[in-house]
Protein backbone atom coordinates (compact mmCIF):
# COMPACT_ATOMS: atom_id res chain seq x y z
CA MET A 1 81.12 86.77 89.84
CA ALA A 2 82.00 87.77 93.60
CA ASP A 3 79.58 87.21 96.20
CA PRO A 4 78.91 90.16 98.82
CA THR A 5 81.58 88.47 101.33
CA GLY A 6 84.52 88.45 98.72
CA ILE A 7 84.76 85.09 98.04
CA ASP A 8 84.97 84.35 94.33
CA THR A 9 83.31 80.95 93.47
CA THR A 10 84.52 81.22 89.78
CA ARG A 11 88.42 81.46 90.28
CA PRO A 12 90.31 78.80 92.15
CA SER A 13 91.07 79.97 95.29
CA ILE A 14 95.06 78.92 96.66
CA ALA A 15 93.69 78.23 100.45
CA ARG A 16 89.91 76.11 99.00
CA ALA A 17 92.53 74.09 96.34
CA TYR A 18 94.83 73.36 99.67
CA ASP A 19 91.57 72.51 101.42
CA VAL A 20 90.32 70.18 99.01
CA VAL A 21 94.01 67.96 98.61
CA LEU A 22 93.40 68.15 102.68
CA HIS A 23 89.76 66.47 102.25
CA GLY A 24 88.30 69.88 103.59
CA LYS A 25 84.90 70.58 102.87
CA ASP A 26 85.47 74.73 102.27
CA ASN A 27 85.41 74.96 98.48
CA PHE A 28 83.62 75.04 95.43
CA GLU A 29 83.78 72.96 92.05
CA VAL A 30 86.27 75.11 90.48
CA ASP A 31 88.50 74.35 93.28
CA ARG A 32 87.64 71.13 93.12
CA ALA A 33 88.63 71.05 89.16
CA PHE A 34 91.47 72.60 89.53
CA VAL A 35 92.84 69.81 91.56
CA ALA A 36 91.51 67.32 89.04
CA GLU A 37 93.78 68.51 87.02
CA ILE A 38 97.23 68.31 88.96
CA VAL A 39 96.37 65.18 90.07
CA LYS A 40 96.82 63.99 86.36
CA VAL A 41 100.16 65.50 86.35
CA VAL A 42 101.05 64.90 90.12
CA PRO A 43 98.74 61.51 91.08
CA GLU A 44 100.19 62.07 94.21
CA ILE A 45 98.67 65.84 95.53
CA TYR A 46 96.80 65.04 97.63
CA ASP A 47 100.02 62.58 99.63
CA VAL A 48 101.94 66.07 99.61
CA ALA A 49 99.23 68.42 101.07
CA ALA A 50 99.32 65.08 104.17
CA TYR A 51 103.50 65.57 104.00
CA ASN A 52 103.60 69.37 104.29
CA ARG A 53 100.56 69.23 107.21
CA GLN A 54 102.94 66.84 109.14
CA MET A 55 106.21 68.93 108.62
CA LEU A 56 104.15 71.86 109.81
CA GLY A 57 103.63 69.49 113.13
CA ARG A 58 107.08 68.71 113.55
CA GLY A 59 108.50 71.68 112.56
CA VAL A 60 105.91 73.49 115.37
CA ARG A 61 106.96 71.01 117.92
CA TYR A 62 110.64 71.53 117.04
CA LEU A 63 110.21 75.39 117.77
CA VAL A 64 108.59 74.97 120.93
CA GLY A 65 111.13 72.60 121.83
CA GLN A 66 113.66 75.41 121.45
CA GLY A 67 112.05 78.01 123.94
CA LEU A 68 109.86 79.60 120.98
CA THR A 69 106.10 80.64 122.30
CA GLN A 70 105.31 83.54 120.05
CA PHE A 71 104.15 82.17 116.40
CA LEU A 72 103.99 84.07 113.03
CA ASP A 73 101.79 82.12 110.42
CA LEU A 74 102.04 83.62 107.11
CA GLY A 75 99.51 82.65 104.40
CA SER A 76 97.54 80.42 107.12
CA GLY A 77 95.35 78.99 104.43
CA LEU A 78 91.74 77.58 106.08
CA PRO A 79 91.82 76.32 109.13
CA THR A 80 92.11 72.30 109.55
CA VAL A 81 92.89 69.83 112.06
CA GLU A 82 96.25 69.85 114.21
CA ASN A 83 96.61 73.61 113.14
CA THR A 84 99.95 75.39 114.08
CA HIS A 85 98.12 77.17 117.15
CA GLN A 86 96.84 74.11 118.24
CA VAL A 87 100.24 72.01 117.65
CA ALA A 88 102.00 75.03 119.96
CA GLN A 89 99.65 75.25 122.19
CA ARG A 90 99.46 71.46 123.17
CA ALA A 91 103.30 71.45 124.24
CA ASP A 92 103.00 74.83 125.65
CA PRO A 93 99.45 76.31 126.42
CA GLY A 94 100.89 79.90 126.87
CA ALA A 95 101.67 79.77 123.38
CA ARG A 96 100.67 82.80 120.74
CA THR A 97 99.35 82.80 117.79
CA VAL A 98 98.59 85.28 114.96
CA TYR A 99 97.36 83.60 111.33
CA VAL A 100 97.52 86.23 108.10
CA ASP A 101 96.22 84.88 105.01
CA ASN A 102 93.82 87.43 102.21
CA ASP A 103 91.30 84.65 101.30
CA PRO A 104 87.88 85.65 102.70
CA MET A 105 86.90 82.04 103.71
CA VAL A 106 89.82 81.73 105.42
CA LEU A 107 89.01 84.83 107.95
CA ALA A 108 85.56 83.81 108.39
CA HIS A 109 86.38 80.16 109.61
CA GLY A 110 89.33 81.52 111.30
CA ARG A 111 87.28 83.73 113.53
CA ALA A 112 84.85 81.04 114.62
CA LEU A 113 86.93 78.67 115.59
CA LEU A 114 89.58 81.33 117.59
CA ALA A 115 86.19 82.67 119.28
CA ASP A 116 87.24 81.10 122.59
CA ASN A 117 90.74 81.39 122.32
CA ASP A 118 92.67 84.80 123.59
CA ARG A 119 96.10 83.39 122.41
CA THR A 120 95.16 83.48 118.69
CA ALA A 121 93.95 86.10 116.39
CA VAL A 122 93.81 85.66 112.55
CA LEU A 123 94.31 89.30 110.23
CA ALA A 124 92.81 89.44 106.80
CA SER A 125 95.96 90.92 105.37
CA ASP A 126 98.12 90.06 102.67
CA LEU A 127 101.75 89.04 103.37
CA ARG A 128 103.57 90.68 100.70
CA ASP A 129 102.72 94.09 102.89
CA PRO A 130 105.04 93.36 106.27
CA ALA A 131 104.80 96.58 107.64
CA ALA A 132 101.15 96.97 107.68
CA ILE A 133 100.96 93.20 109.35
CA LEU A 134 104.12 94.17 111.89
CA ALA A 135 102.03 96.90 112.60
CA ASP A 136 98.62 95.79 113.41
CA PRO A 137 97.43 96.34 116.68
CA LYS A 138 95.84 92.47 116.65
CA LEU A 139 99.54 91.34 116.15
CA GLN A 140 100.81 93.62 118.55
CA ARG A 141 98.82 92.49 121.24
CA LEU A 142 100.00 88.79 121.33
CA ILE A 143 103.19 88.90 119.58
CA ASP A 144 105.83 91.01 121.48
CA LEU A 145 108.54 91.42 118.47
CA ASP A 146 111.50 92.15 121.39
CA ARG A 147 111.07 88.83 122.15
CA PRO A 148 112.01 85.58 119.63
CA VAL A 149 109.54 84.65 116.92
CA ALA A 150 108.31 81.88 114.52
CA VAL A 151 108.01 83.20 111.37
CA MET A 152 106.05 80.59 109.11
CA LEU A 153 105.55 80.35 105.22
CA VAL A 154 104.65 77.17 105.09
CA GLY A 155 103.70 75.89 101.77
CA ILE A 156 102.53 79.84 100.67
CA LEU A 157 106.42 81.71 99.08
CA HIS A 158 105.64 79.64 95.60
CA HIS A 159 102.67 81.47 95.01
CA LEU A 160 104.74 84.49 94.96
CA HIS A 161 106.56 85.42 91.57
CA ASP A 162 109.65 86.40 91.25
CA ASP A 163 108.83 89.95 90.43
CA GLU A 164 107.30 90.11 93.65
CA ASP A 165 110.60 89.48 95.26
CA PRO A 166 109.84 86.86 97.41
CA ARG A 167 112.85 86.49 98.91
CA GLY A 168 112.46 90.39 99.66
CA ILE A 169 109.48 89.85 102.06
CA VAL A 170 111.37 87.19 103.91
CA GLU A 171 113.57 88.93 105.19
CA ALA A 172 111.46 92.21 106.24
CA TYR A 173 110.11 89.75 108.50
CA MET A 174 113.11 88.42 109.69
CA ALA A 175 114.45 91.64 110.10
CA ALA A 176 111.49 92.71 112.18
CA VAL A 177 111.98 90.06 114.76
CA PRO A 178 115.18 89.70 117.55
CA SER A 179 118.19 87.01 117.16
CA GLY A 180 116.70 83.82 118.30
CA SER A 181 113.89 83.78 115.92
CA HIS A 182 113.16 81.02 113.59
CA LEU A 183 112.38 81.22 109.79
CA PHE A 184 110.04 77.93 108.73
CA ILE A 185 109.86 77.59 105.25
CA THR A 186 108.66 74.51 103.27
CA HIS A 187 108.11 74.97 99.17
CA PHE A 188 107.50 73.26 95.81
CA CYS A 189 110.30 72.03 94.16
CA ASP A 190 111.59 71.83 91.09
CA SER A 191 112.82 68.50 91.79
CA SER A 192 111.94 66.27 88.57
CA GLN A 193 110.03 66.81 85.05
CA ASP A 194 106.57 65.89 87.08
CA ALA A 195 106.73 68.86 89.43
CA ARG A 196 107.48 70.64 86.18
CA ASP A 197 104.95 69.71 84.76
CA ALA A 198 103.01 70.44 87.73
CA GLU A 199 104.20 73.75 87.98
CA ARG A 200 102.94 74.70 83.94
CA LYS A 201 99.29 73.48 85.23
CA PHE A 202 99.81 75.83 88.53
CA LEU A 203 100.23 78.87 86.53
CA ALA A 204 97.83 78.29 83.80
CA LEU A 205 94.88 77.39 85.85
CA LEU A 206 95.58 78.88 89.25
CA GLY A 207 97.74 81.63 88.18
CA THR A 208 100.80 81.38 90.41
CA GLY A 209 103.04 78.50 91.46
CA ARG A 210 106.49 79.02 91.39
CA PHE A 211 108.56 74.94 91.54
CA ARG A 212 111.97 76.53 92.88
CA THR A 213 115.10 74.79 92.98
CA PRO A 214 116.63 73.09 95.96
CA GLU A 215 119.18 76.13 95.94
CA GLU A 216 116.66 78.55 95.61
CA ILE A 217 114.90 77.38 98.12
CA THR A 218 117.73 77.50 100.10
CA ALA A 219 118.71 80.65 99.73
CA PHE A 220 115.71 81.98 101.52
CA PHE A 221 117.41 81.00 104.46
CA ASP A 222 120.58 82.91 103.79
CA GLY A 223 122.27 84.80 106.73
CA PHE A 224 120.78 82.46 109.10
CA ASP A 225 121.68 79.17 110.42
CA LEU A 226 120.20 76.03 109.46
CA VAL A 227 119.20 73.58 111.66
CA GLU A 228 120.04 70.03 110.45
CA PRO A 229 119.43 68.41 108.20
CA GLY A 230 118.75 71.38 106.53
CA VAL A 231 116.24 72.25 103.28
CA VAL A 232 115.56 68.43 102.12
CA ALA A 233 112.45 67.26 100.79
CA LEU A 234 109.98 67.22 103.30
CA PRO A 235 109.64 63.52 104.57
CA ARG A 236 113.33 63.81 105.19
CA TRP A 237 112.99 66.11 107.91
CA ARG A 238 113.57 65.06 111.36
CA PRO A 239 111.14 62.19 110.63
CA GLU A 240 109.31 60.29 114.17
CA GLU A 241 108.99 57.06 111.32
CA PRO A 242 111.05 55.63 108.66
CA VAL A 243 111.34 57.07 105.39
CA PRO A 244 112.51 54.76 102.17
CA SER A 245 115.68 55.71 100.54
CA GLU A 246 113.89 56.32 97.08
CA LEU A 247 111.85 58.92 97.51
CA THR A 248 108.88 59.36 95.13
CA VAL A 249 107.68 61.96 93.21
CA GLY A 250 105.04 63.43 95.53
CA GLN A 251 107.71 63.30 98.01
CA ARG A 252 110.02 65.20 96.79
CA LEU A 253 107.15 67.64 95.82
CA MET A 254 108.23 69.52 98.36
CA TYR A 255 111.10 70.81 100.44
CA GLY A 256 111.36 72.55 103.33
CA GLY A 257 113.64 73.89 106.23
CA ILE A 258 113.70 75.68 109.80
CA ALA A 259 116.52 78.23 110.13
CA ARG A 260 117.75 80.60 113.43
CA LYS A 261 118.44 84.33 113.19
CA PRO A 262 122.00 84.49 115.02
């Protein structure tokens, strides 16, 4: 049963499950039980979360280096260490970030975290409604849609089923931002039998978790200019330390990339 705040403690939540694997404290037994089931299939799942978080940091630093100062972080999840606004503002104190998530715990914790940061906001909205999000006064206060925007879908598109038109959703956001904007995606990848087994667990226990092939993930960037090295396993995207020539199952579980809108 959901409590009055809208937090349902009887079913695992995407944001809270991600919090579990990041060793956070904003989760419930149902979320920990879900992650325990995933660990049976992919023992490295905690490492996978770390790879994704590291990719977020490298990606945001790259984007700031390209002159981006506006970040729209869609499906952002619960605040943890090295959040988008922290990475961006460390590189450019004037950077602005709008977080979007439909989990009520994200809204509560996000507002507390950002209470003293007037260049950052959190929207309790569903990323599947681009028109409503782009028209939200909180977004429009911080994000000038006439200037380049970094549109971030980090670790979230795999939670959209094919019949929810994830590619159309990506295109709607990118159509609203000008040339010079960038698209930043990370995504669970159908890269091994273990990945396919994990997908079955996700779909059975969480109800979402579509592991797409590298080609399917790359297709989200159609029409945009992929930056080197393209769409690759996360540890191989502009690494800051040596990467082994042979990657483990966990290191290949998520792929990602960044592209510029021409």
